[in-house]
Amino acid sequence: MTMEAKAIVSHVRMSPRKVRIVANMIRGKNVGEAMGLLRVLPKASALTFRKLLTSATANADDKTKGKVDVDALFVKSVQVNCGPIIKRWMPRAMGRANRIQKRTSHIELVVAEME
């Protein structure tokens, strides 16, 4: 049985569609390789993923009481789901109004040891 550790962040104020672009880039990669990619990626969600990846590796280290080799970990799965949508109104011409939807995301990242 392989060791897995996960980290979850909820209510991230970014659209799931934009967050999934970064999630697809790091899925299946080595933790060191994914962290290097996230450092140079010019996307707003890259910072959130860096924090999440750091948390997941720390969870793996804590779960095994320091017996896991952090360099042997890889990103097993990344799941991005829709969170609650914050609805706002934007005034328009002739007394009309348009609805603005501020989308949020729930992100779950799982790291595992390479077999």
PDB file of N, CA and C in Angstrom:
ATOM      1  N   MET A   1       0.838  -1.188   0.000  1.00  0.00           N
ATOM      2  CA  MET A   1       0.000   0.000   0.000  1.00  0.00           C
ATOM      3  C   MET A   1       0.883   1.252   0.000  1.00  0.00           C
ATOM      4  N   THR A   2       0.559   2.195  -0.862  1.00  0.00           N
ATOM      5  CA  THR A   2       1.353   3.415  -0.949  1.00  0.00           C
ATOM      6  C   THR A   2       0.823   4.458   0.021  1.00  0.00           C
ATOM      7  N   MET A   3       1.729   5.329   0.431  1.00  0.00           N
ATOM      8  CA  MET A   3       1.374   6.402   1.348  1.00  0.00           C
ATOM      9  C   MET A   3       0.841   7.589   0.554  1.00  0.00           C
ATOM     10  N   GLU A   4      -0.278   8.120   1.008  1.00  0.00           N
ATOM     11  CA  GLU A   4      -0.867   9.309   0.381  1.00  0.00           C
ATOM     12  C   GLU A   4      -1.121  10.360   1.444  1.00  0.00           C
ATOM     13  N   ALA A   5      -1.009  11.623   1.023  1.00  0.00           N
ATOM     14  CA  ALA A   5      -1.363  12.737   1.905  1.00  0.00           C
ATOM     15  C   ALA A   5      -2.054  13.774   1.053  1.00  0.00           C
ATOM     16  N   LYS A   6      -3.023  14.464   1.640  1.00  0.00           N
ATOM     17  CA  LYS A   6      -3.729  15.458   0.842  1.00  0.00           C
ATOM     18  C   LYS A   6      -3.852  16.777   1.587  1.00  0.00           C
ATOM     19  N   ALA A   7      -4.106  17.811   0.806  1.00  0.00           N
ATOM     20  CA  ALA A   7      -4.334  19.145   1.344  1.00  0.00           C
ATOM     21  C   ALA A   7      -5.522  19.739   0.585  1.00  0.00           C
ATOM     22  N   ILE A   8      -6.356  20.453   1.304  1.00  0.00           N
ATOM     23  CA  ILE A   8      -7.570  21.026   0.711  1.00  0.00           C
ATOM     24  C   ILE A   8      -7.632  22.510   1.033  1.00  0.00           C
ATOM     25  N   VAL A   9      -8.028  23.300   0.054  1.00  0.00           N
ATOM     26  CA  VAL A   9      -8.310  24.713   0.290  1.00  0.00           C
ATOM     27  C   VAL A   9      -9.688  25.001  -0.309  1.00  0.00           C
ATOM     28  N   SER A  10     -10.509  25.711   0.455  1.00  0.00           N
ATOM     29  CA  SER A  10     -11.877  26.006   0.021  1.00  0.00           C
ATOM     30  C   SER A  10     -12.084  27.501  -0.139  1.00  0.00           C
ATOM     31  N   HIS A  11     -13.066  27.852  -0.910  1.00  0.00           N
ATOM     32  CA  HIS A  11     -13.500  29.236  -1.113  1.00  0.00           C
ATOM     33  C   HIS A  11     -12.391  30.137  -1.654  1.00  0.00           C
ATOM     34  N   VAL A  12     -11.614  29.635  -2.614  1.00  0.00           N
ATOM     35  CA  VAL A  12     -10.581  30.445  -3.261  1.00  0.00           C
ATOM     36  C   VAL A  12     -11.291  31.373  -4.242  1.00  0.00           C
ATOM     37  N   ARG A  13     -11.006  32.665  -4.170  1.00  0.00           N
ATOM     38  CA  ARG A  13     -11.708  33.645  -5.000  1.00  0.00           C
ATOM     39  C   ARG A  13     -11.142  33.698  -6.419  1.00  0.00           C
ATOM     40  N   MET A  14     -11.126  32.549  -7.091  1.00  0.00           N
ATOM     41  CA  MET A  14     -10.707  32.463  -8.481  1.00  0.00           C
ATOM     42  C   MET A  14     -11.661  31.539  -9.203  1.00  0.00           C
ATOM     43  N   SER A  15     -11.853  31.790 -10.460  1.00  0.00           N
ATOM     44  CA  SER A  15     -12.747  30.979 -11.266  1.00  0.00           C
ATOM     45  C   SER A  15     -12.175  29.574 -11.442  1.00  0.00           C
ATOM     46  N   PRO A  16     -12.988  28.527 -11.277  1.00  0.00           N
ATOM     47  CA  PRO A  16     -12.495  27.158 -11.436  1.00  0.00           C
ATOM     48  C   PRO A  16     -11.910  26.901 -12.829  1.00  0.00           C
ATOM     49  N   ARG A  17     -12.438  27.552 -13.817  1.00  0.00           N
ATOM     50  CA  ARG A  17     -11.944  27.388 -15.185  1.00  0.00           C
ATOM     51  C   ARG A  17     -10.490  27.843 -15.318  1.00  0.00           C
ATOM     52  N   LYS A  18     -10.147  28.940 -14.646  1.00  0.00           N
ATOM     53  CA  LYS A  18      -8.778  29.457 -14.679  1.00  0.00           C
ATOM     54  C   LYS A  18      -7.840  28.634 -13.790  1.00  0.00           C
ATOM     55  N   VAL A  19      -8.372  28.127 -12.685  1.00  0.00           N
ATOM     56  CA  VAL A  19      -7.564  27.334 -11.761  1.00  0.00           C
ATOM     57  C   VAL A  19      -7.221  25.978 -12.378  1.00  0.00           C
ATOM     58  N   ARG A  20      -8.144  25.415 -13.160  1.00  0.00           N
ATOM     59  CA  ARG A  20      -7.916  24.103 -13.778  1.00  0.00           C
ATOM     60  C   ARG A  20      -6.763  24.115 -14.772  1.00  0.00           C
ATOM     61  N   ILE A  21      -6.452  25.249 -15.366  1.00  0.00           N
ATOM     62  CA  ILE A  21      -5.323  25.358 -16.299  1.00  0.00           C
ATOM     63  C   ILE A  21      -4.029  25.001 -15.574  1.00  0.00           C
ATOM     64  N   VAL A  22      -3.838  25.548 -14.381  1.00  0.00           N
ATOM     65  CA  VAL A  22      -2.633  25.269 -13.593  1.00  0.00           C
ATOM     66  C   VAL A  22      -2.682  23.848 -13.035  1.00  0.00           C
ATOM     67  N   ALA A  23      -3.868  23.390 -12.633  1.00  0.00           N
ATOM     68  CA  ALA A  23      -4.017  22.034 -12.088  1.00  0.00           C
ATOM     69  C   ALA A  23      -3.604  20.983 -13.118  1.00  0.00           C
ATOM     70  N   ASN A  24      -3.974  21.183 -14.359  1.00  0.00           N
ATOM     71  CA  ASN A  24      -3.622  20.237 -15.418  1.00  0.00           C
ATOM     72  C   ASN A  24      -2.120  20.232 -15.701  1.00  0.00           C
ATOM     73  N   MET A  25      -1.456  21.353 -15.452  1.00  0.00           N
ATOM     74  CA  MET A  25      -0.015  21.438 -15.700  1.00  0.00           C
ATOM     75  C   MET A  25       0.798  20.649 -14.674  1.00  0.00           C
ATOM     76  N   ILE A  26       0.347  20.589 -13.423  1.00  0.00           N
ATOM     77  CA  ILE A  26       1.156  19.946 -12.381  1.00  0.00           C
ATOM     78  C   ILE A  26       0.720  18.520 -12.081  1.00  0.00           C
ATOM     79  N   ARG A  27      -0.417  18.090 -12.592  1.00  0.00           N
ATOM     80  CA  ARG A  27      -0.918  16.744 -12.309  1.00  0.00           C
ATOM     81  C   ARG A  27       0.055  15.688 -12.839  1.00  0.00           C
ATOM     82  N   GLY A  28       0.440  14.739 -11.962  1.00  0.00           N
ATOM     83  CA  GLY A  28       1.327  13.649 -12.351  1.00  0.00           C
ATOM     84  C   GLY A  28       2.814  13.963 -12.281  1.00  0.00           C
ATOM     85  N   LYS A  29       3.171  15.200 -11.958  1.00  0.00           N
ATOM     86  CA  LYS A  29       4.579  15.590 -11.915  1.00  0.00           C
ATOM     87  C   LYS A  29       5.190  15.319 -10.539  1.00  0.00           C
ATOM     88  N   ASN A  30       6.509  15.231 -10.516  1.00  0.00           N
ATOM     89  CA  ASN A  30       7.277  15.120  -9.277  1.00  0.00           C
ATOM     90  C   ASN A  30       7.061  16.415  -8.474  1.00  0.00           C
ATOM     91  N   VAL A  31       7.108  16.339  -7.142  1.00  0.00           N
ATOM     92  CA  VAL A  31       6.850  17.517  -6.301  1.00  0.00           C
ATOM     93  C   VAL A  31       7.860  18.634  -6.575  1.00  0.00           C
ATOM     94  N   GLY A  32       9.140  18.282  -6.709  1.00  0.00           N
ATOM     95  CA  GLY A  32      10.171  19.290  -6.989  1.00  0.00           C
ATOM     96  C   GLY A  32       9.971  19.943  -8.342  1.00  0.00           C
ATOM     97  N   GLU A  33       9.626  19.135  -9.334  1.00  0.00           N
ATOM     98  CA  GLU A  33       9.381  19.644 -10.690  1.00  0.00           C
ATOM     99  C   GLU A  33       8.147  20.549 -10.716  1.00  0.00           C
ATOM    100  N   ALA A  34       7.083  20.130 -10.004  1.00  0.00           N
ATOM    101  CA  ALA A  34       5.854  20.922  -9.944  1.00  0.00           C
ATOM    102  C   ALA A  34       6.100  22.253  -9.232  1.00  0.00           C
ATOM    103  N   MET A  35       6.895  22.220  -8.151  1.00  0.00           N
ATOM    104  CA  MET A  35       7.193  23.450  -7.409  1.00  0.00           C
ATOM    105  C   MET A  35       7.999  24.418  -8.274  1.00  0.00           C
ATOM    106  N   GLY A  36       8.952  23.907  -9.035  1.00  0.00           N
ATOM    107  CA  GLY A  36       9.732  24.755  -9.938  1.00  0.00           C
ATOM    108  C   GLY A  36       8.865  25.375 -11.021  1.00  0.00           C
ATOM    109  N   LEU A  37       7.916  24.591 -11.531  1.00  0.00           N
ATOM    110  CA  LEU A  37       6.997  25.096 -12.554  1.00  0.00           C
ATOM    111  C   LEU A  37       6.095  26.190 -11.990  1.00  0.00           C
ATOM    112  N   LEU A  38       5.618  25.980 -10.765  1.00  0.00           N
ATOM    113  CA  LEU A  38       4.717  26.954 -10.133  1.00  0.00           C
ATOM    114  C   LEU A  38       5.429  28.264  -9.791  1.00  0.00           C
ATOM    115  N   ARG A  39       6.749  28.210  -9.563  1.00  0.00           N
ATOM    116  CA  ARG A  39       7.499  29.436  -9.244  1.00  0.00           C
ATOM    117  C   ARG A  39       7.571  30.383 -10.439  1.00  0.00           C
ATOM    118  N   VAL A  40       7.632  29.842 -11.651  1.00  0.00           N
ATOM    119  CA  VAL A  40       7.817  30.684 -12.842  1.00  0.00           C
ATOM    120  C   VAL A  40       6.536  30.890 -13.636  1.00  0.00           C
ATOM    121  N   LEU A  41       5.447  30.236 -13.242  1.00  0.00           N
ATOM    122  CA  LEU A  41       4.190  30.337 -13.980  1.00  0.00           C
ATOM    123  C   LEU A  41       3.519  31.684 -13.730  1.00  0.00           C
ATOM    124  N   PRO A  42       3.182  32.438 -14.779  1.00  0.00           N
ATOM    125  CA  PRO A  42       2.582  33.758 -14.581  1.00  0.00           C
ATOM    126  C   PRO A  42       1.060  33.709 -14.407  1.00  0.00           C
ATOM    127  N   LYS A  43       0.582  32.849 -13.538  1.00  0.00           N
ATOM    128  CA  LYS A  43      -0.849  32.726 -13.270  1.00  0.00           C
ATOM    129  C   LYS A  43      -1.108  33.052 -11.805  1.00  0.00           C
ATOM    130  N   ALA A  44      -2.239  33.657 -11.524  1.00  0.00           N
ATOM    131  CA  ALA A  44      -2.565  34.041 -10.149  1.00  0.00           C
ATOM    132  C   ALA A  44      -2.753  32.818  -9.251  1.00  0.00           C
ATOM    133  N   SER A  45      -3.273  31.731  -9.804  1.00  0.00           N
ATOM    134  CA  SER A  45      -3.523  30.545  -8.988  1.00  0.00           C
ATOM    135  C   SER A  45      -2.254  29.752  -8.688  1.00  0.00           C
ATOM    136  N   ALA A  46      -1.132  30.085  -9.320  1.00  0.00           N
ATOM    137  CA  ALA A  46       0.124  29.372  -9.065  1.00  0.00           C
ATOM    138  C   ALA A  46       0.564  29.546  -7.615  1.00  0.00           C
ATOM    139  N   LEU A  47       0.347  30.713  -7.033  1.00  0.00           N
ATOM    140  CA  LEU A  47       0.711  30.955  -5.634  1.00  0.00           C
ATOM    141  C   LEU A  47      -0.118  30.073  -4.702  1.00  0.00           C
ATOM    142  N   THR A  48      -1.404  29.950  -4.982  1.00  0.00           N
ATOM    143  CA  THR A  48      -2.278  29.095  -4.183  1.00  0.00           C
ATOM    144  C   THR A  48      -1.835  27.641  -4.270  1.00  0.00           C
ATOM    145  N   PHE A  49      -1.474  27.195  -5.468  1.00  0.00           N
ATOM    146  CA  PHE A  49      -1.018  25.821  -5.650  1.00  0.00           C
ATOM    147  C   PHE A  49       0.323  25.576  -4.961  1.00  0.00           C
ATOM    148  N   ARG A  50       1.213  26.576  -4.942  1.00  0.00           N
ATOM    149  CA  ARG A  50       2.494  26.432  -4.236  1.00  0.00           C
ATOM    150  C   ARG A  50       2.265  26.216  -2.746  1.00  0.00           C
ATOM    151  N   LYS A  51       1.375  27.017  -2.168  1.00  0.00           N
ATOM    152  CA  LYS A  51       1.053  26.871  -0.747  1.00  0.00           C
ATOM    153  C   LYS A  51       0.403  25.512  -0.471  1.00  0.00           C
ATOM    154  N   LEU A  52      -0.472  25.089  -1.372  1.00  0.00           N
ATOM    155  CA  LEU A  52      -1.176  23.821  -1.216  1.00  0.00           C
ATOM    156  C   LEU A  52      -0.215  22.638  -1.335  1.00  0.00           C
ATOM    157  N   LEU A  53       0.715  22.720  -2.274  1.00  0.00           N
ATOM    158  CA  LEU A  53       1.712  21.663  -2.460  1.00  0.00           C
ATOM    159  C   LEU A  53       2.660  21.576  -1.264  1.00  0.00           C
ATOM    160  N   THR A  54       3.047  22.719  -0.725  1.00  0.00           N
ATOM    161  CA  THR A  54       3.886  22.757   0.478  1.00  0.00           C
ATOM    162  C   THR A  54       3.149  22.118   1.659  1.00  0.00           C
ATOM    163  N   SER A  55       1.865  22.420   1.781  1.00  0.00           N
ATOM    164  CA  SER A  55       1.057  21.860   2.860  1.00  0.00           C
ATOM    165  C   SER A  55       0.905  20.349   2.707  1.00  0.00           C
ATOM    166  N   ALA A  56       0.690  19.873   1.481  1.00  0.00           N
ATOM    167  CA  ALA A  56       0.512  18.436   1.245  1.00  0.00           C
ATOM    168  C   ALA A  56       1.796  17.663   1.542  1.00  0.00           C
ATOM    169  N   THR A  57       2.960  18.222   1.166  1.00  0.00           N
ATOM    170  CA  THR A  57       4.227  17.550   1.465  1.00  0.00           C
ATOM    171  C   THR A  57       4.500  17.549   2.969  1.00  0.00           C
ATOM    172  N   ALA A  58       4.143  18.637   3.651  1.00  0.00           N
ATOM    173  CA  ALA A  58       4.293  18.687   5.110  1.00  0.00           C
ATOM    174  C   ALA A  58       3.358  17.683   5.778  1.00  0.00           C
ATOM    175  N   ASN A  59       2.155  17.520   5.230  1.00  0.00           N
ATOM    176  CA  ASN A  59       1.216  16.523   5.757  1.00  0.00           C
ATOM    177  C   ASN A  59       1.766  15.111   5.577  1.00  0.00           C
ATOM    178  N   ALA A  60       2.409  14.858   4.431  1.00  0.00           N
ATOM    179  CA  ALA A  60       3.007  13.544   4.178  1.00  0.00           C
ATOM    180  C   ALA A  60       4.155  13.284   5.142  1.00  0.00           C
ATOM    181  N   ASP A  61       4.958  14.308   5.383  1.00  0.00           N
ATOM    182  CA  ASP A  61       6.083  14.189   6.308  1.00  0.00           C
ATOM    183  C   ASP A  61       5.587  13.928   7.734  1.00  0.00           C
ATOM    184  N   ASP A  62       4.531  14.629   8.127  1.00  0.00           N
ATOM    185  CA  ASP A  62       3.971  14.481   9.465  1.00  0.00           C
ATOM    186  C   ASP A  62       3.281  13.122   9.642  1.00  0.00           C
ATOM    187  N   LYS A  63       2.616  12.673   8.572  1.00  0.00           N
ATOM    188  CA  LYS A  63       1.871  11.416   8.627  1.00  0.00           C
ATOM    189  C   LYS A  63       2.798  10.216   8.828  1.00  0.00           C
ATOM    190  N   THR A  64       3.983  10.285   8.215  1.00  0.00           N
ATOM    191  CA  THR A  64       4.934   9.175   8.322  1.00  0.00           C
ATOM    192  C   THR A  64       6.002   9.428   9.382  1.00  0.00           C
ATOM    193  N   LYS A  65       5.868  10.527  10.112  1.00  0.00           N
ATOM    194  CA  LYS A  65       6.820  10.914  11.165  1.00  0.00           C
ATOM    195  C   LYS A  65       8.245  11.031  10.641  1.00  0.00           C
ATOM    196  N   GLY A  66       8.380  11.674   9.464  1.00  0.00           N
ATOM    197  CA  GLY A  66       9.691  11.955   8.893  1.00  0.00           C
ATOM    198  C   GLY A  66      10.329  10.807   8.129  1.00  0.00           C
ATOM    199  N   LYS A  67       9.622   9.706   7.933  1.00  0.00           N
ATOM    200  CA  LYS A  67      10.202   8.551   7.241  1.00  0.00           C
ATOM    201  C   LYS A  67      10.075   8.630   5.721  1.00  0.00           C
ATOM    202  N   VAL A  68       9.260   9.547   5.230  1.00  0.00           N
ATOM    203  CA  VAL A  68       9.051   9.661   3.780  1.00  0.00           C
ATOM    204  C   VAL A  68      10.129  10.553   3.160  1.00  0.00           C
ATOM    205  N   ASP A  69      10.571  10.156   1.967  1.00  0.00           N
ATOM    206  CA  ASP A  69      11.510  10.976   1.210  1.00  0.00           C
ATOM    207  C   ASP A  69      10.690  11.967   0.382  1.00  0.00           C
ATOM    208  N   VAL A  70      10.813  13.246   0.694  1.00  0.00           N
ATOM    209  CA  VAL A  70      10.012  14.282   0.033  1.00  0.00           C
ATOM    210  C   VAL A  70      10.298  14.345  -1.465  1.00  0.00           C
ATOM    211  N   ASP A  71      11.530  13.999  -1.860  1.00  0.00           N
ATOM    212  CA  ASP A  71      11.881  14.011  -3.285  1.00  0.00           C
ATOM    213  C   ASP A  71      11.219  12.868  -4.045  1.00  0.00           C
ATOM    214  N   ALA A  72      10.745  11.843  -3.337  1.00  0.00           N
ATOM    215  CA  ALA A  72      10.106  10.697  -3.985  1.00  0.00           C
ATOM    216  C   ALA A  72       8.600  10.882  -4.140  1.00  0.00           C
ATOM    217  N   LEU A  73       8.079  12.014  -3.706  1.00  0.00           N
ATOM    218  CA  LEU A  73       6.640  12.263  -3.813  1.00  0.00           C
ATOM    219  C   LEU A  73       6.285  12.821  -5.193  1.00  0.00           C
ATOM    220  N   PHE A  74       5.070  12.522  -5.640  1.00  0.00           N
ATOM    221  CA  PHE A  74       4.570  13.106  -6.870  1.00  0.00           C
ATOM    222  C   PHE A  74       3.110  13.506  -6.676  1.00  0.00           C
ATOM    223  N   VAL A  75       2.624  14.382  -7.530  1.00  0.00           N
ATOM    224  CA  VAL A  75       1.244  14.873  -7.450  1.00  0.00           C
ATOM    225  C   VAL A  75       0.348  13.804  -8.063  1.00  0.00           C
ATOM    226  N   LYS A  76      -0.348  13.056  -7.210  1.00  0.00           N
ATOM    227  CA  LYS A  76      -1.183  11.956  -7.690  1.00  0.00           C
ATOM    228  C   LYS A  76      -2.463  12.469  -8.342  1.00  0.00           C
ATOM    229  N   SER A  77      -3.136  13.398  -7.678  1.00  0.00           N
ATOM    230  CA  SER A  77      -4.361  13.944  -8.256  1.00  0.00           C
ATOM    231  C   SER A  77      -4.592  15.372  -7.779  1.00  0.00           C
ATOM    232  N   VAL A  78      -5.210  16.131  -8.644  1.00  0.00           N
ATOM    233  CA  VAL A  78      -5.619  17.496  -8.323  1.00  0.00           C
ATOM    234  C   VAL A  78      -7.061  17.626  -8.780  1.00  0.00           C
ATOM    235  N   GLN A  79      -7.927  18.042  -7.864  1.00  0.00           N
ATOM    236  CA  GLN A  79      -9.335  18.173  -8.202  1.00  0.00           C
ATOM    237  C   GLN A  79      -9.774  19.603  -7.914  1.00  0.00           C
ATOM    238  N   VAL A  80     -10.380  20.241  -8.908  1.00  0.00           N
ATOM    239  CA  VAL A  80     -10.874  21.615  -8.755  1.00  0.00           C
ATOM    240  C   VAL A  80     -12.384  21.589  -8.946  1.00  0.00           C
ATOM    241  N   ASN A  81     -13.115  21.976  -7.907  1.00  0.00           N
ATOM    242  CA  ASN A  81     -14.575  22.013  -7.964  1.00  0.00           C
ATOM    243  C   ASN A  81     -15.064  23.444  -7.799  1.00  0.00           C
ATOM    244  N   CYS A  82     -16.296  23.675  -8.204  1.00  0.00           N
ATOM    245  CA  CYS A  82     -16.912  24.992  -8.046  1.00  0.00           C
ATOM    246  C   CYS A  82     -17.323  25.199  -6.599  1.00  0.00           C
ATOM    247  N   GLY A  83     -17.081  26.393  -6.112  1.00  0.00           N
ATOM    248  CA  GLY A  83     -17.539  26.773  -4.790  1.00  0.00           C
ATOM    249  C   GLY A  83     -18.781  27.641  -4.939  1.00  0.00           C
ATOM    250  N   PRO A  84     -19.202  28.289  -3.876  1.00  0.00           N
ATOM    251  CA  PRO A  84     -20.364  29.175  -3.972  1.00  0.00           C
ATOM    252  C   PRO A  84     -20.071  30.380  -4.858  1.00  0.00           C
ATOM    253  N   ILE A  85     -21.078  30.839  -5.557  1.00  0.00           N
ATOM    254  CA  ILE A  85     -20.932  31.984  -6.455  1.00  0.00           C
ATOM    255  C   ILE A  85     -21.473  33.224  -5.750  1.00  0.00           C
ATOM    256  N   ILE A  86     -20.646  34.263  -5.658  1.00  0.00           N
ATOM    257  CA  ILE A  86     -21.066  35.524  -5.058  1.00  0.00           C
ATOM    258  C   ILE A  86     -21.702  36.364  -6.164  1.00  0.00           C
ATOM    259  N   LYS A  87     -22.929  36.806  -5.956  1.00  0.00           N
ATOM    260  CA  LYS A  87     -23.648  37.537  -6.999  1.00  0.00           C
ATOM    261  C   LYS A  87     -23.703  39.023  -6.675  1.00  0.00           C
ATOM    262  N   ARG A  88     -23.337  39.831  -7.647  1.00  0.00           N
ATOM    263  CA  ARG A  88     -23.345  41.285  -7.521  1.00  0.00           C
ATOM    264  C   ARG A  88     -24.073  41.883  -8.719  1.00  0.00           C
ATOM    265  N   TRP A  89     -24.449  43.144  -8.608  1.00  0.00           N
ATOM    266  CA  TRP A  89     -25.162  43.815  -9.699  1.00  0.00           C
ATOM    267  C   TRP A  89     -24.361  45.002 -10.201  1.00  0.00           C
ATOM    268  N   MET A  90     -24.323  45.186 -11.511  1.00  0.00           N
ATOM    269  CA  MET A  90     -23.617  46.284 -12.162  1.00  0.00           C
ATOM    270  C   MET A  90     -24.656  47.180 -12.850  1.00  0.00           C
ATOM    271  N   PRO A  91     -24.727  48.463 -12.476  1.00  0.00           N
ATOM    272  CA  PRO A  91     -25.690  49.350 -13.119  1.00  0.00           C
ATOM    273  C   PRO A  91     -25.356  49.560 -14.598  1.00  0.00           C
ATOM    274  N   ARG A  92     -26.372  49.573 -15.437  1.00  0.00           N
ATOM    275  CA  ARG A  92     -26.198  49.781 -16.869  1.00  0.00           C
ATOM    276  C   ARG A  92     -27.077  50.948 -17.319  1.00  0.00           C
ATOM    277  N   ALA A  93     -27.055  51.208 -18.582  1.00  0.00           N
ATOM    278  CA  ALA A  93     -27.794  52.347 -19.128  1.00  0.00           C
ATOM    279  C   ALA A  93     -29.307  52.135 -19.037  1.00  0.00           C
ATOM    280  N   MET A  94     -30.038  53.235 -18.991  1.00  0.00           N
ATOM    281  CA  MET A  94     -31.505  53.269 -18.997  1.00  0.00           C
ATOM    282  C   MET A  94     -32.127  52.475 -17.847  1.00  0.00           C
ATOM    283  N   GLY A  95     -31.495  52.516 -16.680  1.00  0.00           N
ATOM    284  CA  GLY A  95     -32.069  51.901 -15.483  1.00  0.00           C
ATOM    285  C   GLY A  95     -31.960  50.390 -15.416  1.00  0.00           C
ATOM    286  N   ARG A  96     -31.222  49.811 -16.308  1.00  0.00           N
ATOM    287  CA  ARG A  96     -31.068  48.350 -16.290  1.00  0.00           C
ATOM    288  C   ARG A  96     -29.908  47.953 -15.365  1.00  0.00           C
ATOM    289  N   ALA A  97     -29.798  46.654 -15.144  1.00  0.00           N
ATOM    290  CA  ALA A  97     -28.695  46.134 -14.327  1.00  0.00           C
ATOM    291  C   ALA A  97     -28.282  44.771 -14.867  1.00  0.00           C
ATOM    292  N   ASN A  98     -26.990  44.509 -14.844  1.00  0.00           N
ATOM    293  CA  ASN A  98     -26.457  43.200 -15.226  1.00  0.00           C
ATOM    294  C   ASN A  98     -25.937  42.490 -13.989  1.00  0.00           C
ATOM    295  N   ARG A  99     -26.091  41.178 -13.962  1.00  0.00           N
ATOM    296  CA  ARG A  99     -25.604  40.398 -12.839  1.00  0.00           C
ATOM    297  C   ARG A  99     -24.140  40.036 -13.075  1.00  0.00           C
ATOM    298  N   ILE A 100     -23.298  40.263 -12.058  1.00  0.00           N
ATOM    299  CA  ILE A 100     -21.887  39.880 -12.084  1.00  0.00           C
ATOM    300  C   ILE A 100     -21.746  38.671 -11.168  1.00  0.00           C
ATOM    301  N   GLN A 101     -21.171  37.580 -11.690  1.00  0.00           N
ATOM    302  CA  GLN A 101     -20.975  36.380 -10.882  1.00  0.00           C
ATOM    303  C   GLN A 101     -19.502  36.256 -10.528  1.00  0.00           C
ATOM    304  N   LYS A 102     -19.218  36.335  -9.246  1.00  0.00           N
ATOM    305  CA  LYS A 102     -17.841  36.179  -8.763  1.00  0.00           C
ATOM    306  C   LYS A 102     -17.693  34.730  -8.305  1.00  0.00           C
ATOM    307  N   ARG A 103     -16.994  33.951  -9.113  1.00  0.00           N
ATOM    308  CA  ARG A 103     -16.899  32.516  -8.865  1.00  0.00           C
ATOM    309  C   ARG A 103     -15.799  32.167  -7.865  1.00  0.00           C
ATOM    310  N   THR A 104     -16.008  31.066  -7.139  1.00  0.00           N
ATOM    311  CA  THR A 104     -15.016  30.581  -6.191  1.00  0.00           C
ATOM    312  C   THR A 104     -14.710  29.111  -6.491  1.00  0.00           C
ATOM    313  N   SER A 105     -13.590  28.621  -5.950  1.00  0.00           N
ATOM    314  CA  SER A 105     -13.137  27.257  -6.210  1.00  0.00           C
ATOM    315  C   SER A 105     -12.817  26.533  -4.915  1.00  0.00           C
ATOM    316  N   HIS A 106     -12.978  25.213  -4.952  1.00  0.00           N
ATOM    317  CA  HIS A 106     -12.487  24.323  -3.908  1.00  0.00           C
ATOM    318  C   HIS A 106     -11.425  23.447  -4.569  1.00  0.00           C
ATOM    319  N   ILE A 107     -10.215  23.406  -3.991  1.00  0.00           N
ATOM    320  CA  ILE A 107      -9.115  22.655  -4.590  1.00  0.00           C
ATOM    321  C   ILE A 107      -8.662  21.561  -3.624  1.00  0.00           C
ATOM    322  N   GLU A 108      -8.488  20.349  -4.148  1.00  0.00           N
ATOM    323  CA  GLU A 108      -7.971  19.225  -3.361  1.00  0.00           C
ATOM    324  C   GLU A 108      -6.766  18.643  -4.093  1.00  0.00           C
ATOM    325  N   LEU A 109      -5.637  18.540  -3.392  1.00  0.00           N
ATOM    326  CA  LEU A 109      -4.395  18.044  -3.987  1.00  0.00           C
ATOM    327  C   LEU A 109      -3.904  16.837  -3.193  1.00  0.00           C
ATOM    328  N   VAL A 110      -3.607  15.747  -3.878  1.00  0.00           N
ATOM    329  CA  VAL A 110      -3.133  14.518  -3.231  1.00  0.00           C
ATOM    330  C   VAL A 110      -1.722  14.203  -3.738  1.00  0.00           C
ATOM    331  N   VAL A 111      -0.788  13.999  -2.800  1.00  0.00           N
ATOM    332  CA  VAL A 111       0.561  13.564  -3.152  1.00  0.00           C
ATOM    333  C   VAL A 111       0.751  12.135  -2.661  1.00  0.00           C
ATOM    334  N   ALA A 112       1.553  11.376  -3.399  1.00  0.00           N
ATOM    335  CA  ALA A 112       1.807   9.979  -3.044  1.00  0.00           C
ATOM    336  C   ALA A 112       3.257   9.638  -3.340  1.00  0.00           C
ATOM    337  N   GLU A 113       3.727   8.530  -2.760  1.00  0.00           N
ATOM    338  CA  GLU A 113       5.085   8.052  -3.022  1.00  0.00           C
ATOM    339  C   GLU A 113       5.115   7.310  -4.344  1.00  0.00           C
ATOM    340  N   MET A 114       6.211   7.472  -5.070  1.00  0.00           N
ATOM    341  CA  MET A 114       6.396   6.706  -6.301  1.00  0.00           C
ATOM    342  C   MET A 114       6.715   5.267  -5.944  1.00  0.00           C
ATOM    343  N   GLU A 115       6.141   4.355  -6.683  1.00  0.00           N
ATOM    344  CA  GLU A 115       6.359   2.929  -6.401  1.00  0.00           C
ATOM    345  C   GLU A 115       7.555   2.396  -7.147  1.00  0.00           C
TER     346      GLU A 115
END
